[in-house]
């Protein structure tokens, strides 16, 4: 219902955290060195002169919030920016997950900072009137929705740990990004994209097996070279006629090797990492891929069965197709911005 609330940059950052990010990172104050204290005779400690533990903890927390975690083209992202998001999900994660989640949030904030800078530098920001028009629409949606009728937008935002000013900033960025990404997406281009990727929308599924050489813990070029040599050897044996399942049991690092590499059925989007799904759906039944690289390692994929999808009307699915095209454009933009940007991560 609240467009842009749960996924403020969803069309751009498909793999990004589905959280409400604050658009503008708080600037960090430069810490000034305190002058050396004069040596004086220590006064006897009293309960009144000794700082309370609570005051010390609060002071440390305030200092920590100012810590700069990353700089993006000279602009700061602070601990406070990360904590603002992390605190919304404090009850959903345990302490052991905090470091990994913190890094994930920081990556999202870096991407958002880059997008914000791009919008600002190209002078394509949404106007105040455009933002207010969207806010008005959302207020009307809240009134007409039985689950939120009787509540104000501010109250609904509050239940999600947000506020109206933060929401307006998010909306402004959304409007700007959507307008930029939707340029040149005429109906003819959308239809052509749909025809090329029809199986994404009709729920076609493929059943595949794979052989994986896991490279996630490899750090040296020598280790990676040996991994590539191993997957090529496995491929050579399959090409020579050896049973795929037997080769999987011998070479694969995936638990699926016990089933001959069988992964079962999966759809084009949302279940497998993109390079893997892209390669699998390009194969016919019985065909075997060349080695495919993903963030897990090197794969050889064999498609064993295809379940054809349902018939669909392009007109019904057109908005989804356009959004997917915008997402692809957005991810490419992020990639290009990151390649050109000066990013200094300090954790």
C-alpha atoms as a PDB file:
ATOM      1  CA  UNK A   1       0.000   0.000   0.000  1.00  0.00           C
ATOM      2  CA  UNK A   2       2.675   2.506   0.997  1.00  0.00           C
ATOM      3  CA  UNK A   3       4.489   2.810  -2.286  1.00  0.00           C
ATOM      4  CA  UNK A   4       8.202   3.018  -1.677  1.00  0.00           C
ATOM      5  CA  UNK A   5       7.856   2.421   2.074  1.00  0.00           C
ATOM      6  CA  UNK A   6       8.967  -1.156   2.488  1.00  0.00           C
ATOM      7  CA  UNK A   7      11.263  -1.102  -0.550  1.00  0.00           C
ATOM      8  CA  UNK A   8      12.242   2.556  -1.001  1.00  0.00           C
ATOM      9  CA  UNK A   9      14.745   1.758  -3.739  1.00  0.00           C
ATOM     10  CA  UNK A  10      13.328  -1.617  -4.706  1.00  0.00           C
ATOM     11  CA  UNK A  11      13.230  -0.991  -8.442  1.00  0.00           C
ATOM     12  CA  UNK A  12      16.885  -0.052  -8.434  1.00  0.00           C
ATOM     13  CA  UNK A  13      18.447  -2.262  -5.841  1.00  0.00           C
ATOM     14  CA  UNK A  14      16.783  -5.640  -6.275  1.00  0.00           C
ATOM     15  CA  UNK A  15      19.245  -7.404  -3.989  1.00  0.00           C
ATOM     16  CA  UNK A  16      19.475  -4.623  -1.465  1.00  0.00           C
ATOM     17  CA  UNK A  17      17.980  -4.813   2.033  1.00  0.00           C
ATOM     18  CA  UNK A  18      14.217  -4.302   1.936  1.00  0.00           C
ATOM     19  CA  UNK A  19      14.307  -1.569   4.550  1.00  0.00           C
ATOM     20  CA  UNK A  20      13.538   2.090   4.810  1.00  0.00           C
ATOM     21  CA  UNK A  21      16.862   3.840   4.416  1.00  0.00           C
ATOM     22  CA  UNK A  22      17.382   7.445   5.346  1.00  0.00           C
ATOM     23  CA  UNK A  23      18.363   9.444   2.266  1.00  0.00           C
ATOM     24  CA  UNK A  24      20.833  11.844   3.723  1.00  0.00           C
ATOM     25  CA  UNK A  25      23.661  10.525   5.885  1.00  0.00           C
ATOM     26  CA  UNK A  26      24.382  12.645   8.939  1.00  0.00           C
ATOM     27  CA  UNK A  27      27.645  14.514   8.726  1.00  0.00           C
ATOM     28  CA  UNK A  28      30.182  13.617  11.363  1.00  0.00           C
ATOM     29  CA  UNK A  29      31.676  16.268  13.600  1.00  0.00           C
ATOM     30  CA  UNK A  30      35.455  16.373  13.666  1.00  0.00           C
ATOM     31  CA  UNK A  31      36.748  15.465  17.074  1.00  0.00           C
ATOM     32  CA  UNK A  32      38.927  18.174  18.582  1.00  0.00           C
ATOM     33  CA  UNK A  33      41.852  17.210  20.767  1.00  0.00           C
ATOM     34  CA  UNK A  34      41.339  18.337  24.313  1.00  0.00           C
ATOM     35  CA  UNK A  35      44.144  20.407  25.854  1.00  0.00           C
ATOM     36  CA  UNK A  36      46.321  18.530  28.334  1.00  0.00           C
ATOM     37  CA  UNK A  37      44.995  18.660  31.840  1.00  0.00           C
ATOM     38  CA  UNK A  38      46.953  20.467  34.491  1.00  0.00           C
ATOM     39  CA  UNK A  39      48.306  18.193  37.141  1.00  0.00           C
ATOM     40  CA  UNK A  40      46.632  18.933  40.393  1.00  0.00           C
ATOM     41  CA  UNK A  41      46.353  17.109  43.642  1.00  0.00           C
ATOM     42  CA  UNK A  42      43.573  14.585  43.321  1.00  0.00           C
ATOM     43  CA  UNK A  43      40.540  15.472  45.378  1.00  0.00           C
ATOM     44  CA  UNK A  44      38.942  12.769  47.446  1.00  0.00           C
ATOM     45  CA  UNK A  45      36.218  10.979  45.507  1.00  0.00           C
ATOM     46  CA  UNK A  46      32.678  11.613  46.520  1.00  0.00           C
ATOM     47  CA  UNK A  47      29.439  10.173  45.216  1.00  0.00           C
ATOM     48  CA  UNK A  48      28.480  13.618  43.910  1.00  0.00           C
ATOM     49  CA  UNK A  49      31.717  14.233  41.937  1.00  0.00           C
ATOM     50  CA  UNK A  50      32.038  10.725  40.413  1.00  0.00           C
ATOM     51  CA  UNK A  51      30.252  10.296  37.032  1.00  0.00           C
ATOM     52  CA  UNK A  52      27.443   7.788  37.059  1.00  0.00           C
ATOM     53  CA  UNK A  53      27.857   4.594  35.009  1.00  0.00           C
ATOM     54  CA  UNK A  54      24.784   5.497  33.006  1.00  0.00           C
ATOM     55  CA  UNK A  55      26.254   8.892  32.074  1.00  0.00           C
ATOM     56  CA  UNK A  56      29.554   7.314  30.985  1.00  0.00           C
ATOM     57  CA  UNK A  57      27.738   4.722  28.847  1.00  0.00           C
ATOM     58  CA  UNK A  58      25.589   7.421  27.241  1.00  0.00           C
ATOM     59  CA  UNK A  59      28.670   9.523  26.485  1.00  0.00           C
ATOM     60  CA  UNK A  60      30.467   6.577  24.876  1.00  0.00           C
ATOM     61  CA  UNK A  61      27.383   5.750  22.828  1.00  0.00           C
ATOM     62  CA  UNK A  62      27.164   9.345  21.580  1.00  0.00           C
ATOM     63  CA  UNK A  63      30.837   9.334  20.564  1.00  0.00           C
ATOM     64  CA  UNK A  64      30.447   5.996  18.810  1.00  0.00           C
ATOM     65  CA  UNK A  65      27.450   7.262  16.821  1.00  0.00           C
ATOM     66  CA  UNK A  66      29.716   9.913  15.264  1.00  0.00           C
ATOM     67  CA  UNK A  67      32.185   7.325  14.014  1.00  0.00           C
ATOM     68  CA  UNK A  68      32.588   7.427  10.225  1.00  0.00           C
ATOM     69  CA  UNK A  69      32.120   3.965   8.721  1.00  0.00           C
ATOM     70  CA  UNK A  70      32.542   4.966   5.075  1.00  0.00           C
ATOM     71  CA  UNK A  71      33.196   7.945   2.834  1.00  0.00           C
ATOM     72  CA  UNK A  72      31.569   8.101  -0.594  1.00  0.00           C
ATOM     73  CA  UNK A  73      33.045  10.768  -2.858  1.00  0.00           C
ATOM     74  CA  UNK A  74      33.899  12.782   0.234  1.00  0.00           C
ATOM     75  CA  UNK A  75      30.536  12.374   1.962  1.00  0.00           C
ATOM     76  CA  UNK A  76      30.286  10.510   5.268  1.00  0.00           C
ATOM     77  CA  UNK A  77      28.200   7.539   6.320  1.00  0.00           C
ATOM     78  CA  UNK A  78      28.270   7.283  10.098  1.00  0.00           C
ATOM     79  CA  UNK A  79      27.600   4.644  12.714  1.00  0.00           C
ATOM     80  CA  UNK A  80      24.444   6.595  13.537  1.00  0.00           C
ATOM     81  CA  UNK A  81      23.148   6.090   9.974  1.00  0.00           C
ATOM     82  CA  UNK A  82      23.663   2.344  10.257  1.00  0.00           C
ATOM     83  CA  UNK A  83      22.230   2.180  13.774  1.00  0.00           C
ATOM     84  CA  UNK A  84      19.096   4.017  12.654  1.00  0.00           C
ATOM     85  CA  UNK A  85      18.302   1.026  10.438  1.00  0.00           C
ATOM     86  CA  UNK A  86      19.788  -1.678  12.650  1.00  0.00           C
ATOM     87  CA  UNK A  87      17.681  -0.603  15.620  1.00  0.00           C
ATOM     88  CA  UNK A  88      14.478  -1.164  13.642  1.00  0.00           C
ATOM     89  CA  UNK A  89      15.376  -4.834  13.352  1.00  0.00           C
ATOM     90  CA  UNK A  90      16.973  -5.349  16.756  1.00  0.00           C
ATOM     91  CA  UNK A  91      14.345  -7.897  17.776  1.00  0.00           C
ATOM     92  CA  UNK A  92      14.747  -9.905  14.565  1.00  0.00           C
ATOM     93  CA  UNK A  93      18.471 -10.626  14.668  1.00  0.00           C
ATOM     94  CA  UNK A  94      20.759 -12.055  17.329  1.00  0.00           C
ATOM     95  CA  UNK A  95      24.049 -10.542  18.439  1.00  0.00           C
ATOM     96  CA  UNK A  96      26.117 -12.953  16.347  1.00  0.00           C
ATOM     97  CA  UNK A  97      24.484 -11.628  13.179  1.00  0.00           C
ATOM     98  CA  UNK A  98      25.093  -7.942  13.897  1.00  0.00           C
ATOM     99  CA  UNK A  99      28.540  -7.632  12.188  1.00  0.00           C
ATOM    100  CA  UNK A 100      27.294  -9.233   8.954  1.00  0.00           C
ATOM    101  CA  UNK A 101      24.043  -7.263   8.974  1.00  0.00           C
ATOM    102  CA  UNK A 102      25.972  -4.055   9.672  1.00  0.00           C
ATOM    103  CA  UNK A 103      28.116  -4.621   6.588  1.00  0.00           C
ATOM    104  CA  UNK A 104      25.026  -5.360   4.508  1.00  0.00           C
ATOM    105  CA  UNK A 105      23.316  -2.176   5.688  1.00  0.00           C
ATOM    106  CA  UNK A 106      26.476  -0.186   4.993  1.00  0.00           C
ATOM    107  CA  UNK A 107      26.647  -1.512   1.427  1.00  0.00           C
ATOM    108  CA  UNK A 108      23.031  -0.446   0.938  1.00  0.00           C
ATOM    109  CA  UNK A 109      23.751   3.021   2.305  1.00  0.00           C
ATOM    110  CA  UNK A 110      26.758   3.364  -0.010  1.00  0.00           C
ATOM    111  CA  UNK A 111      24.580   2.511  -3.011  1.00  0.00           C
ATOM    112  CA  UNK A 112      21.932   4.935  -1.848  1.00  0.00           C
ATOM    113  CA  UNK A 113      24.506   7.665  -1.333  1.00  0.00           C
ATOM    114  CA  UNK A 114      25.767   7.154  -4.881  1.00  0.00           C
ATOM    115  CA  UNK A 115      22.243   7.343  -6.289  1.00  0.00           C
ATOM    116  CA  UNK A 116      21.496  10.476  -4.248  1.00  0.00           C
ATOM    117  CA  UNK A 117      24.673  12.128  -5.516  1.00  0.00           C
ATOM    118  CA  UNK A 118      23.858  11.144  -9.102  1.00  0.00           C
ATOM    119  CA  UNK A 119      20.348  12.615  -8.880  1.00  0.00           C
ATOM    120  CA  UNK A 120      21.669  15.814  -7.306  1.00  0.00           C
ATOM    121  CA  UNK A 121      24.614  16.253  -9.700  1.00  0.00           C
ATOM    122  CA  UNK A 122      22.376  15.767 -12.749  1.00  0.00           C
ATOM    123  CA  UNK A 123      19.751  18.170 -11.345  1.00  0.00           C
ATOM    124  CA  UNK A 124      16.871  15.722 -11.726  1.00  0.00           C
ATOM    125  CA  UNK A 125      15.510  15.907  -8.197  1.00  0.00           C
ATOM    126  CA  UNK A 126      11.778  15.628  -7.638  1.00  0.00           C
ATOM    127  CA  UNK A 127      10.050  18.886  -6.784  1.00  0.00           C
ATOM    128  CA  UNK A 128       8.342  19.594  -3.475  1.00  0.00           C
ATOM    129  CA  UNK A 129       4.968  19.622  -5.246  1.00  0.00           C
ATOM    130  CA  UNK A 130       5.609  16.167  -6.733  1.00  0.00           C
ATOM    131  CA  UNK A 131       6.457  14.777  -3.327  1.00  0.00           C
ATOM    132  CA  UNK A 132       3.408  16.355  -1.680  1.00  0.00           C
ATOM    133  CA  UNK A 133       1.179  14.931  -4.440  1.00  0.00           C
ATOM    134  CA  UNK A 134       2.474  11.433  -3.652  1.00  0.00           C
ATOM    135  CA  UNK A 135       2.019  11.965   0.074  1.00  0.00           C
ATOM    136  CA  UNK A 136      -1.583  13.009  -0.560  1.00  0.00           C
ATOM    137  CA  UNK A 137      -2.219   9.805  -2.545  1.00  0.00           C
ATOM    138  CA  UNK A 138      -0.775   7.689   0.261  1.00  0.00           C
ATOM    139  CA  UNK A 139      -2.936   9.477   2.839  1.00  0.00           C
ATOM    140  CA  UNK A 140      -6.002   8.615   0.764  1.00  0.00           C
ATOM    141  CA  UNK A 141      -4.877   4.985   0.466  1.00  0.00           C
ATOM    142  CA  UNK A 142      -4.549   4.778   4.251  1.00  0.00           C
ATOM    143  CA  UNK A 143      -8.091   6.091   4.709  1.00  0.00           C
ATOM    144  CA  UNK A 144      -9.564   3.601   2.223  1.00  0.00           C
ATOM    145  CA  UNK A 145      -7.652   0.570   3.503  1.00  0.00           C
ATOM    146  CA  UNK A 146      -9.607  -1.273   6.240  1.00  0.00           C
ATOM    147  CA  UNK A 147      -6.393  -2.306   7.972  1.00  0.00           C
ATOM    148  CA  UNK A 148      -5.283   1.317   8.481  1.00  0.00           C
ATOM    149  CA  UNK A 149      -8.497   3.354   8.423  1.00  0.00           C
ATOM    150  CA  UNK A 150      -8.668   5.684  11.385  1.00  0.00           C
ATOM    151  CA  UNK A 151      -4.890   6.110  11.414  1.00  0.00           C
ATOM    152  CA  UNK A 152      -2.839   8.974  10.053  1.00  0.00           C
ATOM    153  CA  UNK A 153       0.146   8.518   7.756  1.00  0.00           C
ATOM    154  CA  UNK A 154       2.351   9.677  10.606  1.00  0.00           C
ATOM    155  CA  UNK A 155       0.966   6.942  12.866  1.00  0.00           C
ATOM    156  CA  UNK A 156       1.473   4.254  10.232  1.00  0.00           C
ATOM    157  CA  UNK A 157       5.028   5.425   9.632  1.00  0.00           C
ATOM    158  CA  UNK A 158       5.666   5.394  13.375  1.00  0.00           C
ATOM    159  CA  UNK A 159       4.764   1.707  13.606  1.00  0.00           C
ATOM    160  CA  UNK A 160       7.537   1.071  11.055  1.00  0.00           C
ATOM    161  CA  UNK A 161      10.093   3.142  12.951  1.00  0.00           C
ATOM    162  CA  UNK A 162       9.945   6.033  10.508  1.00  0.00           C
ATOM    163  CA  UNK A 163       8.569   9.573  10.355  1.00  0.00           C
ATOM    164  CA  UNK A 164       7.066  11.917   7.791  1.00  0.00           C
ATOM    165  CA  UNK A 165      10.247  13.855   7.001  1.00  0.00           C
ATOM    166  CA  UNK A 166      12.256  10.682   6.429  1.00  0.00           C
ATOM    167  CA  UNK A 167       9.444   9.325   4.274  1.00  0.00           C
ATOM    168  CA  UNK A 168       9.296  12.472   2.139  1.00  0.00           C
ATOM    169  CA  UNK A 169      13.032  12.254   1.494  1.00  0.00           C
ATOM    170  CA  UNK A 170      12.617   8.645   0.440  1.00  0.00           C
ATOM    171  CA  UNK A 171       9.712   9.523  -1.844  1.00  0.00           C
ATOM    172  CA  UNK A 172      11.702  12.340  -3.443  1.00  0.00           C
ATOM    173  CA  UNK A 173      14.507   9.940  -4.276  1.00  0.00           C
ATOM    174  CA  UNK A 174      12.074   7.324  -5.589  1.00  0.00           C
ATOM    175  CA  UNK A 175      10.318   9.774  -7.893  1.00  0.00           C
ATOM    176  CA  UNK A 176      13.636  11.016  -9.256  1.00  0.00           C
ATOM    177  CA  UNK A 177      15.051   7.528  -9.810  1.00  0.00           C
ATOM    178  CA  UNK A 178      11.886   6.144 -11.431  1.00  0.00           C
ATOM    179  CA  UNK A 179      11.638   9.098 -13.786  1.00  0.00           C
ATOM    180  CA  UNK A 180      15.262   8.705 -14.849  1.00  0.00           C
ATOM    181  CA  UNK A 181      15.083   4.938 -15.334  1.00  0.00           C
ATOM    182  CA  UNK A 182      11.797   4.985 -17.237  1.00  0.00           C
ATOM    183  CA  UNK A 183      13.206   7.191 -19.989  1.00  0.00           C
ATOM    184  CA  UNK A 184      13.274   5.519 -23.412  1.00  0.00           C
ATOM    185  CA  UNK A 185      11.194   2.540 -22.241  1.00  0.00           C
ATOM    186  CA  UNK A 186       8.600   2.667 -25.016  1.00  0.00           C
ATOM    187  CA  UNK A 187       5.922  -0.010 -25.392  1.00  0.00           C
ATOM    188  CA  UNK A 188       7.820  -1.623 -28.270  1.00  0.00           C
ATOM    189  CA  UNK A 189      10.936  -2.118 -26.142  1.00  0.00           C
ATOM    190  CA  UNK A 190       8.918  -3.498 -23.241  1.00  0.00           C
ATOM    191  CA  UNK A 191       7.175  -6.010 -25.530  1.00  0.00           C
ATOM    192  CA  UNK A 192      10.498  -7.094 -27.060  1.00  0.00           C
ATOM    193  CA  UNK A 193      11.955  -7.645 -23.589  1.00  0.00           C
ATOM    194  CA  UNK A 194       8.903  -9.664 -22.591  1.00  0.00           C
ATOM    195  CA  UNK A 195       9.113 -11.875 -25.679  1.00  0.00           C
ATOM    196  CA  UNK A 196      12.766 -12.589 -24.949  1.00  0.00           C
ATOM    197  CA  UNK A 197      12.150 -13.365 -21.268  1.00  0.00           C
ATOM    198  CA  UNK A 198       8.656 -14.854 -21.338  1.00  0.00           C
ATOM    199  CA  UNK A 199       9.599 -17.764 -19.080  1.00  0.00           C
ATOM    200  CA  UNK A 200      10.355 -15.264 -16.300  1.00  0.00           C
ATOM    201  CA  UNK A 201       6.690 -14.293 -16.151  1.00  0.00           C
ATOM    202  CA  UNK A 202       4.806 -17.490 -17.014  1.00  0.00           C
ATOM    203  CA  UNK A 203       6.191 -19.521 -14.077  1.00  0.00           C
ATOM    204  CA  UNK A 204       8.177 -21.929 -16.252  1.00  0.00           C
ATOM    205  CA  UNK A 205      10.376 -24.169 -14.089  1.00  0.00           C
ATOM    206  CA  UNK A 206      13.440 -26.224 -14.891  1.00  0.00           C
ATOM    207  CA  UNK A 207      14.889 -29.161 -13.035  1.00  0.00           C
ATOM    208  CA  UNK A 208      18.664 -29.199 -12.992  1.00  0.00           C
ATOM    209  CA  UNK A 209      21.688 -30.898 -11.499  1.00  0.00           C
ATOM    210  CA  UNK A 210      25.059 -29.266 -10.968  1.00  0.00           C
ATOM    211  CA  UNK A 211      28.655 -29.839 -10.026  1.00  0.00           C
ATOM    212  CA  UNK A 212      30.103 -27.111  -7.808  1.00  0.00           C
ATOM    213  CA  UNK A 213      33.695 -26.260  -7.009  1.00  0.00           C
ATOM    214  CA  UNK A 214      33.289 -23.908  -4.044  1.00  0.00           C
ATOM    215  CA  UNK A 215      35.629 -20.893  -4.103  1.00  0.00           C
ATOM    216  CA  UNK A 216      34.146 -18.811  -1.277  1.00  0.00           C
ATOM    217  CA  UNK A 217      37.036 -19.414   1.129  1.00  0.00           C
ATOM    218  CA  UNK A 218      39.746 -19.135  -1.514  1.00  0.00           C
ATOM    219  CA  UNK A 219      41.920 -16.022  -1.308  1.00  0.00           C
ATOM    220  CA  UNK A 220      44.913 -16.601  -3.572  1.00  0.00           C
ATOM    221  CA  UNK A 221      45.196 -16.716  -7.352  1.00  0.00           C
ATOM    222  CA  UNK A 222      46.785 -20.141  -7.052  1.00  0.00           C
ATOM    223  CA  UNK A 223      43.755 -21.513  -5.186  1.00  0.00           C
ATOM    224  CA  UNK A 224      41.365 -20.062  -7.768  1.00  0.00           C
ATOM    225  CA  UNK A 225      43.443 -21.455 -10.613  1.00  0.00           C
ATOM    226  CA  UNK A 226      43.276 -24.938  -9.073  1.00  0.00           C
ATOM    227  CA  UNK A 227      39.508 -24.577  -8.651  1.00  0.00           C
ATOM    228  CA  UNK A 228      39.140 -23.699 -12.316  1.00  0.00           C
ATOM    229  CA  UNK A 229      41.349 -26.636 -13.249  1.00  0.00           C
ATOM    230  CA  UNK A 230      39.155 -28.933 -11.142  1.00  0.00           C
ATOM    231  CA  UNK A 231      35.878 -27.807 -12.761  1.00  0.00           C
ATOM    232  CA  UNK A 232      37.419 -28.106 -16.229  1.00  0.00           C
ATOM    233  CA  UNK A 233      38.524 -31.648 -15.421  1.00  0.00           C
ATOM    234  CA  UNK A 234      34.997 -32.529 -14.289  1.00  0.00           C
ATOM    235  CA  UNK A 235      33.578 -31.041 -17.487  1.00  0.00           C
ATOM    236  CA  UNK A 236      36.044 -33.020 -19.601  1.00  0.00           C
ATOM    237  CA  UNK A 237      34.939 -36.261 -17.950  1.00  0.00           C
ATOM    238  CA  UNK A 238      31.264 -35.476 -18.543  1.00  0.00           C
ATOM    239  CA  UNK A 239      32.000 -34.583 -22.172  1.00  0.00           C
ATOM    240  CA  UNK A 240      33.848 -37.898 -22.543  1.00  0.00           C
ATOM    241  CA  UNK A 241      30.633 -39.729 -21.626  1.00  0.00           C
ATOM    242  CA  UNK A 242      30.986 -40.317 -17.901  1.00  0.00           C
ATOM    243  CA  UNK A 243      27.667 -40.250 -15.999  1.00  0.00           C
ATOM    244  CA  UNK A 244      26.948 -36.710 -14.723  1.00  0.00           C
ATOM    245  CA  UNK A 245      25.718 -37.965 -11.346  1.00  0.00           C
ATOM    246  CA  UNK A 246      28.895 -39.963 -10.795  1.00  0.00           C
ATOM    247  CA  UNK A 247      31.081 -36.978 -11.696  1.00  0.00           C
ATOM    248  CA  UNK A 248      29.052 -34.828  -9.273  1.00  0.00           C
ATOM    249  CA  UNK A 249      29.635 -37.333  -6.458  1.00  0.00           C
ATOM    250  CA  UNK A 250      33.360 -37.291  -7.203  1.00  0.00           C
ATOM    251  CA  UNK A 251      33.999 -33.571  -7.733  1.00  0.00           C
ATOM    252  CA  UNK A 252      31.164 -31.457  -6.321  1.00  0.00           C
ATOM    253  CA  UNK A 253      31.458 -29.478  -3.063  1.00  0.00           C
ATOM    254  CA  UNK A 254      27.678 -29.070  -2.800  1.00  0.00           C
ATOM    255  CA  UNK A 255      25.641 -31.339  -0.477  1.00  0.00           C
ATOM    256  CA  UNK A 256      23.505 -32.117  -3.541  1.00  0.00           C
ATOM    257  CA  UNK A 257      26.330 -34.377  -4.745  1.00  0.00           C
ATOM    258  CA  UNK A 258      24.809 -37.187  -2.677  1.00  0.00           C
ATOM    259  CA  UNK A 259      21.845 -37.022  -5.082  1.00  0.00           C
ATOM    260  CA  UNK A 260      24.036 -36.766  -8.150  1.00  0.00           C
ATOM    261  CA  UNK A 261      23.891 -32.969  -8.025  1.00  0.00           C
ATOM    262  CA  UNK A 262      20.079 -32.823  -8.299  1.00  0.00           C
ATOM    263  CA  UNK A 263      18.693 -29.428  -7.227  1.00  0.00           C
ATOM    264  CA  UNK A 264      15.045 -30.073  -8.077  1.00  0.00           C
ATOM    265  CA  UNK A 265      12.808 -27.568  -9.865  1.00  0.00           C
ATOM    266  CA  UNK A 266      13.259 -23.813  -9.703  1.00  0.00           C
ATOM    267  CA  UNK A 267      11.906 -20.712 -11.434  1.00  0.00           C
ATOM    268  CA  UNK A 268      13.854 -18.183 -13.465  1.00  0.00           C
ATOM    269  CA  UNK A 269      13.854 -15.486 -10.784  1.00  0.00           C
ATOM    270  CA  UNK A 270      14.167 -15.462  -7.034  1.00  0.00           C
ATOM    271  CA  UNK A 271      15.455 -18.942  -6.247  1.00  0.00           C
ATOM    272  CA  UNK A 272      18.934 -19.199  -7.745  1.00  0.00           C
ATOM    273  CA  UNK A 273      21.666 -16.595  -8.130  1.00  0.00           C
ATOM    274  CA  UNK A 274      21.327 -14.783 -11.433  1.00  0.00           C
ATOM    275  CA  UNK A 275      24.301 -16.208 -13.402  1.00  0.00           C
ATOM    276  CA  UNK A 276      23.238 -19.743 -12.479  1.00  0.00           C
ATOM    277  CA  UNK A 277      19.551 -19.232 -13.367  1.00  0.00           C
ATOM    278  CA  UNK A 278      20.461 -17.443 -16.594  1.00  0.00           C
ATOM    279  CA  UNK A 279      22.675 -20.323 -17.712  1.00  0.00           C
ATOM    280  CA  UNK A 280      20.184 -23.016 -16.681  1.00  0.00           C
ATOM    281  CA  UNK A 281      17.259 -21.468 -18.549  1.00  0.00           C
ATOM    282  CA  UNK A 282      19.381 -21.133 -21.688  1.00  0.00           C
ATOM    283  CA  UNK A 283      19.807 -24.932 -21.831  1.00  0.00           C
ATOM    284  CA  UNK A 284      17.537 -27.533 -23.397  1.00  0.00           C
ATOM    285  CA  UNK A 285      16.725 -30.797 -21.614  1.00  0.00           C
ATOM    286  CA  UNK A 286      19.831 -32.977 -21.567  1.00  0.00           C
ATOM    287  CA  UNK A 287      22.233 -30.158 -22.392  1.00  0.00           C
ATOM    288  CA  UNK A 288      25.208 -29.401 -20.155  1.00  0.00           C
ATOM    289  CA  UNK A 289      26.655 -25.942 -19.646  1.00  0.00           C
ATOM    290  CA  UNK A 290      30.229 -24.772 -19.852  1.00  0.00           C
ATOM    291  CA  UNK A 291      31.620 -23.749 -16.411  1.00  0.00           C
ATOM    292  CA  UNK A 292      29.544 -20.924 -14.909  1.00  0.00           C
ATOM    293  CA  UNK A 293      31.008 -18.558 -12.285  1.00  0.00           C
ATOM    294  CA  UNK A 294      28.866 -17.312  -9.398  1.00  0.00           C
ATOM    295  CA  UNK A 295      29.673 -15.952  -5.943  1.00  0.00           C
ATOM    296  CA  UNK A 296      29.608 -19.584  -4.743  1.00  0.00           C
ATOM    297  CA  UNK A 297      32.235 -20.807  -7.190  1.00  0.00           C
ATOM    298  CA  UNK A 298      32.321 -22.688 -10.508  1.00  0.00           C
ATOM    299  CA  UNK A 299      29.325 -24.730 -11.651  1.00  0.00           C
ATOM    300  CA  UNK A 300      28.561 -27.183 -14.433  1.00  0.00           C
ATOM    301  CA  UNK A 301      24.799 -27.368 -14.974  1.00  0.00           C
ATOM    302  CA  UNK A 302      22.680 -30.053 -16.572  1.00  0.00           C
ATOM    303  CA  UNK A 303      18.966 -29.471 -17.233  1.00  0.00           C
ATOM    304  CA  UNK A 304      16.992 -32.693 -16.807  1.00  0.00           C
ATOM    305  CA  UNK A 305      13.374 -31.538 -17.118  1.00  0.00           C
ATOM    306  CA  UNK A 306      11.256 -28.473 -17.965  1.00  0.00           C
ATOM    307  CA  UNK A 307       7.764 -27.616 -16.695  1.00  0.00           C
ATOM    308  CA  UNK A 308       6.171 -25.186 -19.119  1.00  0.00           C
ATOM    309  CA  UNK A 309       4.400 -22.203 -17.623  1.00  0.00           C
ATOM    310  CA  UNK A 310       0.886 -20.905 -18.004  1.00  0.00           C
ATOM    311  CA  UNK A 311      -0.502 -18.729 -20.806  1.00  0.00           C
ATOM    312  CA  UNK A 312      -0.468 -15.051 -19.854  1.00  0.00           C
ATOM    313  CA  UNK A 313      -1.724 -11.808 -21.333  1.00  0.00           C
ATOM    314  CA  UNK A 314       1.080  -9.303 -21.989  1.00  0.00           C
ATOM    315  CA  UNK A 315      -1.174  -6.366 -21.080  1.00  0.00           C
ATOM    316  CA  UNK A 316      -1.663  -7.843 -17.597  1.00  0.00           C
ATOM    317  CA  UNK A 317       2.022  -8.289 -16.993  1.00  0.00           C
ATOM    318  CA  UNK A 318       3.326  -5.154 -18.726  1.00  0.00           C
ATOM    319  CA  UNK A 319       3.826  -3.068 -15.520  1.00  0.00           C
ATOM    320  CA  UNK A 320       5.919  -5.884 -14.014  1.00  0.00           C
ATOM    321  CA  UNK A 321       8.001  -6.155 -17.178  1.00  0.00           C
ATOM    322  CA  UNK A 322       8.666  -2.419 -17.183  1.00  0.00           C
ATOM    323  CA  UNK A 323       9.687  -2.520 -13.532  1.00  0.00           C
ATOM    324  CA  UNK A 324      12.126  -5.361 -14.230  1.00  0.00           C
ATOM    325  CA  UNK A 325      13.650  -3.380 -17.085  1.00  0.00           C
ATOM    326  CA  UNK A 326      14.032  -0.374 -14.801  1.00  0.00           C
ATOM    327  CA  UNK A 327      15.631  -2.580 -12.161  1.00  0.00           C
ATOM    328  CA  UNK A 328      18.191  -3.859 -14.652  1.00  0.00           C
ATOM    329  CA  UNK A 329      18.982  -0.316 -15.724  1.00  0.00           C
ATOM    330  CA  UNK A 330      19.273   0.686 -12.081  1.00  0.00           C
ATOM    331  CA  UNK A 331      21.652  -2.107 -11.179  1.00  0.00           C
ATOM    332  CA  UNK A 332      23.820  -1.216 -14.160  1.00  0.00           C
ATOM    333  CA  UNK A 333      23.815   2.418 -13.046  1.00  0.00           C
ATOM    334  CA  UNK A 334      24.892   1.392  -9.526  1.00  0.00           C
ATOM    335  CA  UNK A 335      27.698  -0.718 -10.984  1.00  0.00           C
ATOM    336  CA  UNK A 336      28.923   2.175 -13.124  1.00  0.00           C
ATOM    337  CA  UNK A 337      28.732   4.648 -10.258  1.00  0.00           C
ATOM    338  CA  UNK A 338      30.684   2.334  -7.955  1.00  0.00           C
ATOM    339  CA  UNK A 339      33.400   1.858 -10.568  1.00  0.00           C
ATOM    340  CA  UNK A 340      33.915   5.619 -10.847  1.00  0.00           C
ATOM    341  CA  UNK A 341      33.390   6.519  -7.199  1.00  0.00           C
ATOM    342  CA  UNK A 342      35.952   7.046  -4.471  1.00  0.00           C
ATOM    343  CA  UNK A 343      34.683   4.786  -1.683  1.00  0.00           C
ATOM    344  CA  UNK A 344      36.611   4.429   1.561  1.00  0.00           C
ATOM    345  CA  UNK A 345      35.135   1.786   3.896  1.00  0.00           C
ATOM    346  CA  UNK A 346      36.578   2.015   7.385  1.00  0.00           C
ATOM    347  CA  UNK A 347      35.282  -1.204   8.971  1.00  0.00           C
END
